[in-house]
N, C-alpha and C. Protein backbone atom coordinates (compact mmCIF):
# COMPACT_ATOMS: atom_id res chain seq x y z
N MET A 1 173.22 -150.66 -5.34
CA MET A 1 173.08 -149.92 -6.59
C MET A 1 171.64 -149.91 -7.07
N GLN A 2 171.03 -151.08 -7.13
CA GLN A 2 169.65 -151.17 -7.58
C GLN A 2 168.73 -150.43 -6.61
N LYS A 3 169.06 -150.53 -5.31
CA LYS A 3 168.23 -149.90 -4.30
C LYS A 3 168.18 -148.38 -4.52
N ARG A 4 169.31 -147.77 -4.82
CA ARG A 4 169.36 -146.33 -5.05
C ARG A 4 168.58 -145.93 -6.30
N ARG A 5 168.64 -146.76 -7.31
CA ARG A 5 167.90 -146.48 -8.54
C ARG A 5 166.39 -146.50 -8.26
N TYR A 6 165.96 -147.48 -7.49
CA TYR A 6 164.54 -147.57 -7.14
C TYR A 6 164.12 -146.41 -6.23
N LEU A 7 165.01 -146.01 -5.34
CA LEU A 7 164.70 -144.87 -4.47
C LEU A 7 164.58 -143.57 -5.27
N LEU A 8 165.43 -143.42 -6.29
CA LEU A 8 165.35 -142.23 -7.15
C LEU A 8 164.02 -142.21 -7.90
N ILE A 9 163.61 -143.35 -8.43
CA ILE A 9 162.34 -143.42 -9.13
C ILE A 9 161.19 -143.15 -8.17
N LEU A 10 161.28 -143.68 -6.96
CA LEU A 10 160.25 -143.44 -5.95
C LEU A 10 160.19 -141.96 -5.57
N LEU A 11 161.35 -141.33 -5.41
CA LEU A 11 161.41 -139.90 -5.13
C LEU A 11 160.76 -139.09 -6.25
N LEU A 12 161.09 -139.43 -7.49
CA LEU A 12 160.52 -138.72 -8.63
C LEU A 12 159.01 -138.90 -8.70
N PHE A 13 158.55 -140.11 -8.45
CA PHE A 13 157.11 -140.36 -8.47
C PHE A 13 156.42 -139.60 -7.34
N GLY A 14 157.04 -139.55 -6.17
CA GLY A 14 156.49 -138.77 -5.06
C GLY A 14 156.39 -137.29 -5.39
N LEU A 15 157.44 -136.75 -6.02
CA LEU A 15 157.41 -135.35 -6.43
C LEU A 15 156.35 -135.11 -7.51
N PHE A 16 156.17 -136.09 -8.38
CA PHE A 16 155.14 -136.00 -9.41
C PHE A 16 153.75 -135.88 -8.77
N ILE A 17 153.52 -136.67 -7.73
CA ILE A 17 152.24 -136.61 -7.01
C ILE A 17 152.11 -135.25 -6.30
N VAL A 18 153.19 -134.77 -5.68
CA VAL A 18 153.16 -133.49 -4.98
C VAL A 18 152.88 -132.34 -5.96
N GLU A 19 153.45 -132.41 -7.17
CA GLU A 19 153.21 -131.37 -8.17
C GLU A 19 151.74 -131.23 -8.51
N GLY A 20 151.02 -132.33 -8.50
CA GLY A 20 149.62 -132.28 -8.89
C GLY A 20 148.65 -132.11 -7.74
N THR A 21 149.08 -132.36 -6.50
CA THR A 21 148.14 -132.32 -5.38
C THR A 21 148.41 -131.16 -4.42
N ILE A 22 149.63 -131.02 -3.95
CA ILE A 22 149.93 -130.02 -2.91
C ILE A 22 150.32 -128.66 -3.50
N ILE A 23 151.12 -128.67 -4.54
CA ILE A 23 151.61 -127.41 -5.13
C ILE A 23 150.47 -126.50 -5.57
N PRO A 24 149.40 -127.00 -6.22
CA PRO A 24 148.32 -126.08 -6.59
C PRO A 24 147.68 -125.37 -5.39
N TRP A 25 147.71 -125.96 -4.22
CA TRP A 25 147.18 -125.30 -3.03
C TRP A 25 148.11 -124.19 -2.55
N LEU A 26 149.40 -124.34 -2.79
CA LEU A 26 150.37 -123.35 -2.33
C LEU A 26 150.48 -122.14 -3.24
N ILE A 27 150.10 -122.31 -4.50
CA ILE A 27 150.20 -121.22 -5.47
C ILE A 27 148.95 -120.34 -5.36
N PRO A 28 149.12 -119.03 -5.27
CA PRO A 28 147.94 -118.15 -5.24
C PRO A 28 147.08 -118.33 -6.50
N VAL A 29 145.78 -118.12 -6.34
CA VAL A 29 144.82 -118.37 -7.43
C VAL A 29 145.15 -117.54 -8.67
N ALA A 30 145.59 -116.32 -8.48
CA ALA A 30 145.90 -115.45 -9.62
C ALA A 30 147.09 -115.96 -10.43
N TRP A 31 147.96 -116.74 -9.82
CA TRP A 31 149.15 -117.22 -10.51
C TRP A 31 149.00 -118.63 -11.06
N GLN A 32 147.91 -119.32 -10.77
CA GLN A 32 147.80 -120.73 -11.12
C GLN A 32 147.81 -120.99 -12.62
N THR A 33 147.41 -120.04 -13.44
CA THR A 33 147.49 -120.24 -14.88
C THR A 33 148.87 -119.87 -15.42
N ARG A 34 149.66 -119.17 -14.65
CA ARG A 34 150.98 -118.73 -15.10
C ARG A 34 152.12 -119.58 -14.57
N LEU A 35 151.96 -120.16 -13.41
CA LEU A 35 153.06 -120.82 -12.72
C LEU A 35 152.82 -122.33 -12.67
N ILE A 36 153.70 -123.06 -13.33
CA ILE A 36 153.62 -124.52 -13.32
C ILE A 36 155.02 -125.05 -12.99
N PRO A 37 155.33 -125.20 -11.69
CA PRO A 37 156.67 -125.65 -11.33
C PRO A 37 156.88 -127.12 -11.70
N HIS A 38 158.06 -127.41 -12.21
CA HIS A 38 158.42 -128.78 -12.60
C HIS A 38 159.48 -129.30 -11.64
N LEU A 39 159.05 -129.74 -10.47
CA LEU A 39 159.96 -130.23 -9.45
C LEU A 39 160.64 -131.52 -9.88
N VAL A 40 159.91 -132.38 -10.56
CA VAL A 40 160.46 -133.64 -11.05
C VAL A 40 161.61 -133.35 -12.01
N PHE A 41 161.43 -132.36 -12.85
CA PHE A 41 162.47 -132.03 -13.83
C PHE A 41 163.76 -131.57 -13.15
N VAL A 42 163.64 -130.83 -12.06
CA VAL A 42 164.82 -130.37 -11.34
C VAL A 42 165.62 -131.57 -10.82
N VAL A 43 164.95 -132.55 -10.23
CA VAL A 43 165.63 -133.73 -9.72
C VAL A 43 166.23 -134.53 -10.88
N ILE A 44 165.54 -134.58 -12.01
CA ILE A 44 166.10 -135.27 -13.19
C ILE A 44 167.36 -134.56 -13.66
N LEU A 45 167.38 -133.23 -13.59
CA LEU A 45 168.61 -132.50 -13.96
C LEU A 45 169.76 -132.86 -13.02
N PHE A 46 169.47 -132.96 -11.73
CA PHE A 46 170.50 -133.36 -10.78
C PHE A 46 171.02 -134.75 -11.11
N ALA A 47 170.12 -135.66 -11.40
CA ALA A 47 170.53 -137.03 -11.75
C ALA A 47 171.34 -137.04 -13.04
N SER A 48 170.97 -136.19 -13.97
CA SER A 48 171.68 -136.12 -15.24
C SER A 48 173.10 -135.57 -15.08
N VAL A 49 173.27 -134.59 -14.20
CA VAL A 49 174.59 -133.98 -14.01
C VAL A 49 175.46 -134.84 -13.10
N TYR A 50 174.93 -135.26 -11.95
CA TYR A 50 175.74 -135.95 -10.95
C TYR A 50 175.83 -137.45 -11.16
N ASP A 51 174.93 -138.02 -11.93
CA ASP A 51 174.95 -139.46 -12.11
C ASP A 51 175.31 -139.82 -13.55
N ASN A 52 174.36 -139.67 -14.47
CA ASN A 52 174.59 -140.12 -15.83
C ASN A 52 173.58 -139.43 -16.74
N ARG A 53 174.04 -138.86 -17.83
CA ARG A 53 173.13 -138.16 -18.74
C ARG A 53 172.15 -139.11 -19.42
N HIS A 54 172.55 -140.37 -19.60
CA HIS A 54 171.65 -141.34 -20.22
C HIS A 54 170.49 -141.68 -19.28
N ARG A 55 170.78 -141.76 -17.99
CA ARG A 55 169.72 -141.97 -17.01
C ARG A 55 168.79 -140.76 -16.98
N GLY A 56 169.36 -139.56 -17.10
CA GLY A 56 168.54 -138.35 -17.17
C GLY A 56 167.64 -138.35 -18.39
N LEU A 57 168.16 -138.82 -19.51
CA LEU A 57 167.35 -138.92 -20.73
C LEU A 57 166.17 -139.86 -20.54
N VAL A 58 166.43 -141.04 -20.01
CA VAL A 58 165.37 -142.02 -19.81
C VAL A 58 164.35 -141.53 -18.79
N LEU A 59 164.83 -140.99 -17.68
CA LEU A 59 163.90 -140.46 -16.67
C LEU A 59 163.08 -139.30 -17.23
N GLY A 60 163.72 -138.46 -18.01
CA GLY A 60 162.99 -137.35 -18.63
C GLY A 60 161.93 -137.84 -19.59
N LEU A 61 162.25 -138.83 -20.40
CA LEU A 61 161.26 -139.39 -21.32
C LEU A 61 160.08 -140.02 -20.58
N VAL A 62 160.38 -140.81 -19.56
CA VAL A 62 159.33 -141.53 -18.83
C VAL A 62 158.45 -140.57 -18.05
N PHE A 63 159.06 -139.70 -17.25
CA PHE A 63 158.26 -138.80 -16.44
C PHE A 63 157.63 -137.68 -17.28
N GLY A 64 158.25 -137.33 -18.38
CA GLY A 64 157.63 -136.38 -19.30
C GLY A 64 156.38 -136.97 -19.94
N LEU A 65 156.45 -138.25 -20.32
CA LEU A 65 155.27 -138.91 -20.87
C LEU A 65 154.17 -139.03 -19.83
N LEU A 66 154.57 -139.28 -18.59
CA LEU A 66 153.60 -139.32 -17.50
C LEU A 66 152.92 -137.95 -17.33
N GLN A 67 153.70 -136.89 -17.42
CA GLN A 67 153.13 -135.53 -17.35
C GLN A 67 152.20 -135.28 -18.53
N ASP A 68 152.60 -135.72 -19.73
CA ASP A 68 151.76 -135.55 -20.91
C ASP A 68 150.41 -136.21 -20.72
N VAL A 69 150.42 -137.43 -20.23
CA VAL A 69 149.19 -138.21 -20.10
C VAL A 69 148.30 -137.69 -18.98
N VAL A 70 148.90 -137.40 -17.82
CA VAL A 70 148.10 -137.04 -16.65
C VAL A 70 147.67 -135.57 -16.66
N TYR A 71 148.59 -134.65 -16.95
CA TYR A 71 148.29 -133.23 -16.77
C TYR A 71 148.02 -132.46 -18.06
N TYR A 72 148.82 -132.67 -19.08
CA TYR A 72 148.77 -131.81 -20.26
C TYR A 72 148.39 -132.64 -21.48
N GLY A 73 147.14 -132.99 -21.61
CA GLY A 73 146.69 -133.91 -22.64
C GLY A 73 146.44 -133.30 -24.00
N SER A 74 146.76 -132.04 -24.22
CA SER A 74 146.48 -131.44 -25.53
C SER A 74 147.37 -132.02 -26.62
N MET A 75 148.54 -132.52 -26.25
CA MET A 75 149.42 -133.16 -27.21
C MET A 75 150.33 -134.13 -26.45
N ILE A 76 150.28 -135.38 -26.83
CA ILE A 76 151.10 -136.40 -26.17
C ILE A 76 152.51 -136.37 -26.75
N GLY A 77 153.50 -136.31 -25.89
CA GLY A 77 154.89 -136.38 -26.31
C GLY A 77 155.66 -135.10 -26.20
N ALA A 78 155.00 -133.98 -26.03
CA ALA A 78 155.71 -132.70 -25.96
C ALA A 78 156.59 -132.62 -24.71
N TYR A 79 156.02 -132.93 -23.56
CA TYR A 79 156.80 -132.90 -22.32
C TYR A 79 157.85 -134.01 -22.32
N SER A 80 157.50 -135.15 -22.84
CA SER A 80 158.43 -136.27 -22.88
C SER A 80 159.68 -135.89 -23.68
N PHE A 81 159.48 -135.35 -24.86
CA PHE A 81 160.60 -134.94 -25.68
C PHE A 81 161.39 -133.82 -25.02
N ALA A 82 160.69 -132.80 -24.53
CA ALA A 82 161.37 -131.63 -23.97
C ALA A 82 162.16 -131.99 -22.70
N MET A 83 161.57 -132.79 -21.82
CA MET A 83 162.28 -133.16 -20.59
C MET A 83 163.46 -134.08 -20.89
N GLY A 84 163.26 -135.05 -21.76
CA GLY A 84 164.36 -135.97 -22.09
C GLY A 84 165.50 -135.25 -22.78
N PHE A 85 165.19 -134.44 -23.77
CA PHE A 85 166.22 -133.71 -24.51
C PHE A 85 166.96 -132.72 -23.62
N SER A 86 166.21 -131.97 -22.80
CA SER A 86 166.84 -130.98 -21.92
C SER A 86 167.75 -131.64 -20.90
N ALA A 87 167.28 -132.74 -20.30
CA ALA A 87 168.10 -133.44 -19.30
C ALA A 87 169.37 -133.99 -19.94
N TYR A 88 169.24 -134.54 -21.13
CA TYR A 88 170.42 -135.09 -21.81
C TYR A 88 171.42 -133.98 -22.15
N MET A 89 170.94 -132.87 -22.68
CA MET A 89 171.84 -131.78 -23.05
C MET A 89 172.54 -131.17 -21.83
N ILE A 90 171.80 -130.98 -20.74
CA ILE A 90 172.42 -130.43 -19.54
C ILE A 90 173.43 -131.42 -18.97
N GLY A 91 173.12 -132.71 -19.01
CA GLY A 91 174.07 -133.74 -18.56
C GLY A 91 175.30 -133.79 -19.44
N LEU A 92 175.14 -133.50 -20.72
CA LEU A 92 176.27 -133.49 -21.65
C LEU A 92 177.16 -132.27 -21.43
N ILE A 93 176.55 -131.12 -21.19
CA ILE A 93 177.31 -129.88 -21.02
C ILE A 93 177.99 -129.82 -19.65
N PHE A 94 177.25 -130.18 -18.60
CA PHE A 94 177.76 -130.10 -17.22
C PHE A 94 178.00 -131.52 -16.70
N LYS A 95 178.98 -132.23 -17.25
CA LYS A 95 179.13 -133.65 -16.95
C LYS A 95 180.07 -133.97 -15.79
N SER A 96 180.48 -133.02 -15.03
CA SER A 96 181.36 -133.28 -13.90
C SER A 96 180.58 -133.81 -12.72
N ARG A 97 181.13 -134.81 -12.04
CA ARG A 97 180.47 -135.35 -10.85
C ARG A 97 180.64 -134.41 -9.65
N ARG A 98 181.53 -133.48 -9.73
CA ARG A 98 181.79 -132.55 -8.62
C ARG A 98 181.37 -131.13 -9.00
N THR A 99 180.25 -130.99 -9.65
CA THR A 99 179.77 -129.68 -10.05
C THR A 99 179.42 -128.85 -8.82
N PRO A 100 180.03 -127.66 -8.67
CA PRO A 100 179.75 -126.83 -7.49
C PRO A 100 178.37 -126.18 -7.57
N LEU A 101 177.94 -125.63 -6.44
CA LEU A 101 176.61 -125.04 -6.32
C LEU A 101 176.30 -123.99 -7.39
N PRO A 102 177.15 -122.97 -7.60
CA PRO A 102 176.79 -121.96 -8.60
C PRO A 102 176.62 -122.54 -10.00
N LEU A 103 177.49 -123.47 -10.36
CA LEU A 103 177.39 -124.07 -11.69
C LEU A 103 176.15 -124.95 -11.82
N MET A 104 175.79 -125.65 -10.75
CA MET A 104 174.58 -126.48 -10.79
C MET A 104 173.33 -125.61 -10.85
N MET A 105 173.32 -124.50 -10.15
CA MET A 105 172.16 -123.61 -10.21
C MET A 105 172.04 -122.98 -11.60
N PHE A 106 173.19 -122.69 -12.21
CA PHE A 106 173.18 -122.20 -13.59
C PHE A 106 172.64 -123.28 -14.52
N ALA A 107 173.03 -124.53 -14.28
CA ALA A 107 172.52 -125.64 -15.09
C ALA A 107 171.01 -125.79 -14.93
N VAL A 108 170.51 -125.60 -13.73
CA VAL A 108 169.05 -125.68 -13.50
C VAL A 108 168.35 -124.56 -14.26
N LEU A 109 168.89 -123.36 -14.20
CA LEU A 109 168.27 -122.24 -14.92
C LEU A 109 168.29 -122.47 -16.43
N ILE A 110 169.43 -122.90 -16.95
CA ILE A 110 169.53 -123.15 -18.40
C ILE A 110 168.63 -124.31 -18.80
N GLY A 111 168.62 -125.37 -18.00
CA GLY A 111 167.75 -126.51 -18.30
C GLY A 111 166.28 -126.15 -18.26
N SER A 112 165.90 -125.33 -17.29
CA SER A 112 164.50 -124.88 -17.20
C SER A 112 164.13 -124.01 -18.39
N LEU A 113 165.02 -123.12 -18.77
CA LEU A 113 164.76 -122.27 -19.94
C LEU A 113 164.67 -123.11 -21.20
N LEU A 114 165.55 -124.10 -21.33
CA LEU A 114 165.51 -124.98 -22.50
C LEU A 114 164.21 -125.78 -22.53
N LEU A 115 163.79 -126.32 -21.40
CA LEU A 115 162.53 -127.05 -21.32
C LEU A 115 161.36 -126.17 -21.74
N GLU A 116 161.26 -125.00 -21.13
CA GLU A 116 160.14 -124.10 -21.43
C GLU A 116 160.18 -123.62 -22.88
N SER A 117 161.37 -123.36 -23.41
CA SER A 117 161.47 -122.91 -24.80
C SER A 117 161.09 -124.02 -25.78
N LEU A 118 161.51 -125.24 -25.49
CA LEU A 118 161.11 -126.36 -26.35
C LEU A 118 159.60 -126.58 -26.32
N LEU A 119 159.01 -126.47 -25.14
CA LEU A 119 157.56 -126.61 -25.04
C LEU A 119 156.85 -125.49 -25.79
N TYR A 120 157.34 -124.26 -25.63
CA TYR A 120 156.75 -123.14 -26.34
C TYR A 120 156.87 -123.35 -27.85
N GLY A 121 158.05 -123.74 -28.31
CA GLY A 121 158.26 -123.96 -29.74
C GLY A 121 157.36 -125.06 -30.29
N THR A 122 157.21 -126.12 -29.54
CA THR A 122 156.35 -127.22 -29.99
C THR A 122 154.90 -126.78 -30.05
N TYR A 123 154.45 -126.09 -29.01
CA TYR A 123 153.06 -125.63 -29.00
C TYR A 123 152.82 -124.56 -30.08
N ARG A 124 153.81 -123.74 -30.32
CA ARG A 124 153.68 -122.72 -31.36
C ARG A 124 153.67 -123.36 -32.75
N LEU A 125 154.50 -124.39 -32.93
CA LEU A 125 154.56 -125.08 -34.21
C LEU A 125 153.22 -125.71 -34.56
N PHE A 126 152.57 -126.31 -33.59
CA PHE A 126 151.28 -126.96 -33.83
C PHE A 126 150.09 -126.05 -33.51
N GLU A 127 150.37 -124.76 -33.38
CA GLU A 127 149.36 -123.72 -33.20
C GLU A 127 148.46 -123.95 -31.99
N LEU A 128 149.03 -124.43 -30.90
CA LEU A 128 148.29 -124.54 -29.65
C LEU A 128 148.41 -123.29 -28.81
N THR A 129 149.37 -122.44 -29.15
CA THR A 129 149.51 -121.14 -28.50
C THR A 129 149.72 -120.09 -29.58
N HIS A 130 149.20 -118.90 -29.31
CA HIS A 130 149.36 -117.80 -30.27
C HIS A 130 150.05 -116.61 -29.63
N GLN A 131 150.63 -116.83 -28.45
CA GLN A 131 151.34 -115.76 -27.75
C GLN A 131 152.75 -115.63 -28.33
N THR A 132 153.33 -114.45 -28.16
CA THR A 132 154.70 -114.25 -28.62
C THR A 132 155.67 -114.84 -27.61
N TYR A 133 156.91 -115.07 -28.05
CA TYR A 133 157.92 -115.66 -27.17
C TYR A 133 158.23 -114.73 -26.00
N ASP A 134 158.34 -113.43 -26.25
CA ASP A 134 158.67 -112.52 -25.15
C ASP A 134 157.55 -112.45 -24.12
N TRP A 135 156.28 -112.58 -24.54
CA TRP A 135 155.18 -112.64 -23.59
C TRP A 135 155.27 -113.91 -22.76
N ALA A 136 155.52 -115.04 -23.42
CA ALA A 136 155.65 -116.32 -22.70
C ALA A 136 156.85 -116.29 -21.76
N LEU A 137 157.93 -115.66 -22.19
CA LEU A 137 159.13 -115.57 -21.35
C LEU A 137 158.85 -114.80 -20.07
N THR A 138 158.22 -113.66 -20.18
CA THR A 138 158.00 -112.84 -18.99
C THR A 138 156.85 -113.35 -18.12
N ASN A 139 155.84 -113.96 -18.72
CA ASN A 139 154.67 -114.36 -17.94
C ASN A 139 154.69 -115.82 -17.48
N HIS A 140 155.44 -116.67 -18.13
CA HIS A 140 155.45 -118.09 -17.76
C HIS A 140 156.85 -118.60 -17.43
N MET A 141 157.78 -118.37 -18.32
CA MET A 141 159.09 -119.01 -18.19
C MET A 141 159.90 -118.49 -17.01
N ILE A 142 160.01 -117.19 -16.87
CA ILE A 142 160.82 -116.63 -15.78
C ILE A 142 160.23 -116.96 -14.41
N PRO A 143 158.91 -116.84 -14.18
CA PRO A 143 158.38 -117.27 -12.88
C PRO A 143 158.63 -118.75 -12.60
N ASN A 144 158.49 -119.61 -13.61
CA ASN A 144 158.78 -121.03 -13.42
C ASN A 144 160.25 -121.26 -13.09
N MET A 145 161.12 -120.53 -13.77
CA MET A 145 162.55 -120.67 -13.51
C MET A 145 162.90 -120.25 -12.09
N ILE A 146 162.25 -119.21 -11.59
CA ILE A 146 162.51 -118.75 -10.22
C ILE A 146 162.10 -119.82 -9.21
N VAL A 147 160.91 -120.40 -9.39
CA VAL A 147 160.43 -121.43 -8.47
C VAL A 147 161.34 -122.66 -8.53
N GLN A 148 161.74 -123.06 -9.73
CA GLN A 148 162.61 -124.23 -9.86
C GLN A 148 164.00 -123.95 -9.28
N PHE A 149 164.47 -122.72 -9.41
CA PHE A 149 165.75 -122.33 -8.82
C PHE A 149 165.70 -122.43 -7.30
N ILE A 150 164.63 -121.93 -6.70
CA ILE A 150 164.47 -121.99 -5.24
C ILE A 150 164.39 -123.44 -4.77
N PHE A 151 163.64 -124.27 -5.50
CA PHE A 151 163.54 -125.68 -5.15
C PHE A 151 164.91 -126.36 -5.27
N ALA A 152 165.66 -126.03 -6.33
CA ALA A 152 166.99 -126.62 -6.51
C ALA A 152 167.93 -126.21 -5.38
N LEU A 153 167.84 -124.97 -4.93
CA LEU A 153 168.65 -124.53 -3.78
C LEU A 153 168.30 -125.32 -2.53
N ALA A 154 167.02 -125.58 -2.34
CA ALA A 154 166.57 -126.27 -1.14
C ALA A 154 167.02 -127.72 -1.10
N ILE A 155 167.10 -128.37 -2.25
CA ILE A 155 167.45 -129.80 -2.27
C ILE A 155 168.89 -130.06 -2.66
N TYR A 156 169.67 -129.03 -2.91
CA TYR A 156 171.02 -129.21 -3.45
C TYR A 156 171.90 -130.11 -2.59
N VAL A 157 172.06 -129.78 -1.32
CA VAL A 157 173.00 -130.51 -0.47
C VAL A 157 172.61 -131.98 -0.28
N PRO A 158 171.39 -132.29 0.16
CA PRO A 158 171.09 -133.72 0.37
C PRO A 158 171.08 -134.53 -0.93
N LEU A 159 170.55 -133.96 -1.99
CA LEU A 159 170.48 -134.72 -3.24
C LEU A 159 171.86 -134.90 -3.86
N ARG A 160 172.70 -133.89 -3.76
CA ARG A 160 174.06 -134.01 -4.30
C ARG A 160 174.84 -135.09 -3.55
N ARG A 161 174.76 -135.07 -2.22
CA ARG A 161 175.47 -136.09 -1.43
C ARG A 161 174.98 -137.48 -1.77
N TRP A 162 173.67 -137.63 -1.89
CA TRP A 162 173.10 -138.94 -2.17
C TRP A 162 173.53 -139.44 -3.56
N LEU A 163 173.48 -138.56 -4.56
CA LEU A 163 173.88 -138.97 -5.91
C LEU A 163 175.38 -139.19 -6.03
N GLU A 164 176.19 -138.38 -5.34
CA GLU A 164 177.63 -138.59 -5.37
C GLU A 164 178.02 -139.89 -4.68
N ASN A 165 177.38 -140.21 -3.56
CA ASN A 165 177.66 -141.48 -2.88
C ASN A 165 177.30 -142.66 -3.77
N ALA A 166 176.23 -142.54 -4.51
CA ALA A 166 175.85 -143.62 -5.44
C ALA A 166 176.91 -143.77 -6.52
N GLY A 167 177.45 -142.65 -7.01
CA GLY A 167 178.49 -142.71 -8.04
C GLY A 167 179.79 -143.29 -7.51
N VAL A 168 180.16 -142.95 -6.27
CA VAL A 168 181.39 -143.48 -5.67
C VAL A 168 181.26 -144.98 -5.46
N ARG A 169 180.13 -145.43 -4.97
CA ARG A 169 179.93 -146.87 -4.77
C ARG A 169 179.96 -147.62 -6.09
N ARG A 170 179.36 -147.03 -7.14
CA ARG A 170 179.36 -147.71 -8.43
C ARG A 170 180.77 -147.81 -8.99
N SER A 171 181.60 -146.74 -8.84
CA SER A 171 182.96 -146.81 -9.36
C SER A 171 183.79 -147.84 -8.60
N LYS A 172 183.56 -147.99 -7.28
CA LYS A 172 184.28 -148.99 -6.51
C LYS A 172 183.86 -150.39 -6.94
N GLU A 173 182.57 -150.59 -7.21
CA GLU A 173 182.10 -151.90 -7.64
C GLU A 173 182.62 -152.24 -9.03
N GLU A 174 182.72 -151.24 -9.91
CA GLU A 174 183.23 -151.48 -11.26
C GLU A 174 184.74 -151.75 -11.24
N ALA A 175 185.46 -151.13 -10.31
CA ALA A 175 186.91 -151.34 -10.22
C ALA A 175 187.24 -152.72 -9.67
N ALA A 176 186.39 -153.25 -8.80
CA ALA A 176 186.65 -154.54 -8.17
C ALA A 176 186.40 -155.70 -9.10
């Protein structure tokens, strides 16, 4: 049980490093100001749905704060709040351990939209952005949602099996 938890944190940290080092090389230069994929957030959504929404909340808070400090230093806490809240809400709404592919992809899209909307609202509230919501939706949110959707499709089968096996083992240990 502990081993799987540490592996999940290691996976998230590895994705965090990939987001900042390899992904910018893969994104065309013209899109680099518009496209900011949140791969860590997608895995946190999976953990929140297939494992436990409280774990998703904590992982969202921790890795969101890490994103705030390392990448987006204009305001500390915006990503932490948005990732934690979004992961918790998606885990609360889609709380089945046997969530099928279409429903999980819908959860990823809704979670990504919620994350981006919360970030936009926070930045708009503190006047860090002066763009309209529809401009942000078409130029930032939808492209990010597409990239996160594709990433979620790519990792769906192995991550779902791994998280479901962890849940089955935990229920057997709790029953014994």
